[in-house]
Each structure stands twice: as C-alpha cells, then as structure tokens.
Amino acid sequence: MTCPNTHRCPIFPRFKTGALRVLRTIYCDEDFVRCARYVRISSGIIPAPTLLPNGSHLSGADSSRLDHRTTVGPAPLPSSSTPPGTS
C-alpha cells in the first residue's frame, strides 16, 4: 500500500530517480509504516525537511533544493496497517 502522505511530502519528489529511488520503493510504495517521516508525522511531530525515510538526512546541495517551509500534517493510519511498535 502506498503512503498516504506522498502527495504532500516535501521530500517525495526527490525519490523519482537515482539512488533515492530505492527509498521510494521500500518506504513509500511498500512499507510506509516504517518510514521515519511517517512515524514522526503520525506522532504529531513535523519532521525536518531533510529527513529521509530510513532516518538519515539529506545534506549539501540535495538539501538546499528543498522547500523548508513545507510541512506535512498527520494522515490517518490505514485500517489494514499495524502502528509501529505494536506487532
């Protein structure tokens, strides 16, 4: 199941090509409940714009192209998914 936040995630467009594409496959398209961004958003915490789904951060030129004013609010957890830490 695809992450419900992809349409408003400021970092998602960076995952279309290159090495970051694998993050999209793993976290955005397959197992978004493990995504560090999703976990924070679900807890009511707005993640840093440079936070990647695996918990690391973009740095240098990659991060300077992000709109740091963009925020993502919580999206409801799909009924078929188990919240992190409850399995």
Protein backbone atom coordinates (compact mmCIF):
# COMPACT_ATOMS: atom_id res chain seq x y z
CA MET A 1 0.00 0.00 0.00
CA THR A 2 1.29 3.47 -0.88
CA CYS A 3 1.93 6.02 1.86
CA PRO A 4 -0.98 8.42 2.35
CA ASN A 5 1.46 11.35 2.68
CA THR A 6 3.22 11.08 -0.69
CA HIS A 7 1.16 13.84 -2.32
CA ARG A 8 2.20 16.38 0.31
CA CYS A 9 5.62 15.13 1.42
CA PRO A 10 8.28 17.73 0.54
CA ILE A 11 10.97 15.12 0.04
CA PHE A 12 8.96 12.61 -2.03
CA PRO A 13 9.68 14.27 -5.42
CA ARG A 14 13.42 13.67 -4.81
CA PHE A 15 12.80 9.90 -4.96
CA LYS A 16 11.98 9.69 -8.67
CA THR A 17 15.48 8.81 -9.93
CA GLY A 18 18.89 7.71 -8.79
CA ALA A 19 19.84 6.12 -5.51
CA LEU A 20 16.92 7.72 -3.68
CA ARG A 21 14.51 5.74 -5.87
CA VAL A 22 15.17 2.64 -3.76
CA LEU A 23 13.90 4.54 -0.68
CA ARG A 24 10.65 5.23 -2.51
CA THR A 25 10.23 1.54 -3.34
CA ILE A 26 10.98 0.36 0.20
CA TYR A 27 9.20 3.00 2.25
CA CYS A 28 6.71 4.97 0.12
CA ASP A 29 5.40 2.16 -2.06
CA GLU A 30 5.72 -0.91 0.19
CA ASP A 31 6.21 -0.39 3.94
CA PHE A 32 5.44 3.21 4.82
CA VAL A 33 4.66 2.47 8.49
CA ARG A 34 8.44 2.00 8.97
CA CYS A 35 9.25 5.38 7.39
CA ALA A 36 10.91 7.77 9.85
CA ARG A 37 8.92 10.66 8.35
CA TYR A 38 5.61 8.79 8.62
CA VAL A 39 6.31 7.72 12.22
CA ARG A 40 7.01 11.32 13.27
CA ILE A 41 4.00 12.71 11.41
CA SER A 42 1.75 10.07 12.97
CA SER A 43 3.03 11.17 16.38
CA GLY A 44 2.20 14.80 15.65
CA ILE A 45 5.83 15.79 15.08
CA ILE A 46 6.70 17.67 11.90
CA PRO A 47 9.87 16.04 10.53
CA ALA A 48 12.86 18.02 9.35
CA PRO A 49 12.60 18.68 5.61
CA THR A 50 15.85 16.78 5.09
CA LEU A 51 14.79 13.63 7.00
CA LEU A 52 14.85 10.56 4.77
CA PRO A 53 12.55 7.56 5.32
CA ASN A 54 15.44 5.48 6.72
CA GLY A 55 16.17 8.09 9.42
CA SER A 56 19.24 9.66 7.79
CA HIS A 57 19.28 13.21 6.41
CA LEU A 58 19.95 14.74 3.02
CA SER A 59 22.92 17.07 3.11
CA GLY A 60 24.69 19.59 0.92
CA ALA A 61 23.26 20.51 -2.48
CA ASP A 62 20.45 17.96 -2.21
CA SER A 63 19.01 19.60 0.89
CA SER A 64 19.36 23.15 -0.42
CA ARG A 65 16.77 22.43 -3.12
CA LEU A 66 14.04 21.51 -0.65
CA ASP A 67 11.36 23.98 0.36
CA HIS A 68 11.96 24.16 4.12
CA ARG A 69 8.64 25.95 4.63
CA THR A 70 6.61 22.92 3.56
CA THR A 71 5.01 20.95 6.34
CA VAL A 72 3.02 17.77 6.39
CA GLY A 73 0.20 17.13 8.84
CA PRO A 74 -0.76 13.74 10.13
CA ALA A 75 -2.60 11.36 7.85
CA PRO A 76 -4.82 8.65 9.29
CA LEU A 77 -3.29 5.22 9.66
CA PRO A 78 -4.91 2.79 7.21
CA SER A 79 -7.06 0.22 8.96
CA SER A 80 -5.10 -2.66 7.43
CA SER A 81 -1.75 -1.47 8.84
CA THR A 82 -0.33 -2.09 12.28
CA PRO A 83 1.08 1.01 14.02
CA PRO A 84 4.82 0.89 14.68
CA GLY A 85 5.78 -0.87 17.89
CA THR A 86 2.51 -2.77 18.31
CA SER A 87 3.31 -6.00 16.48
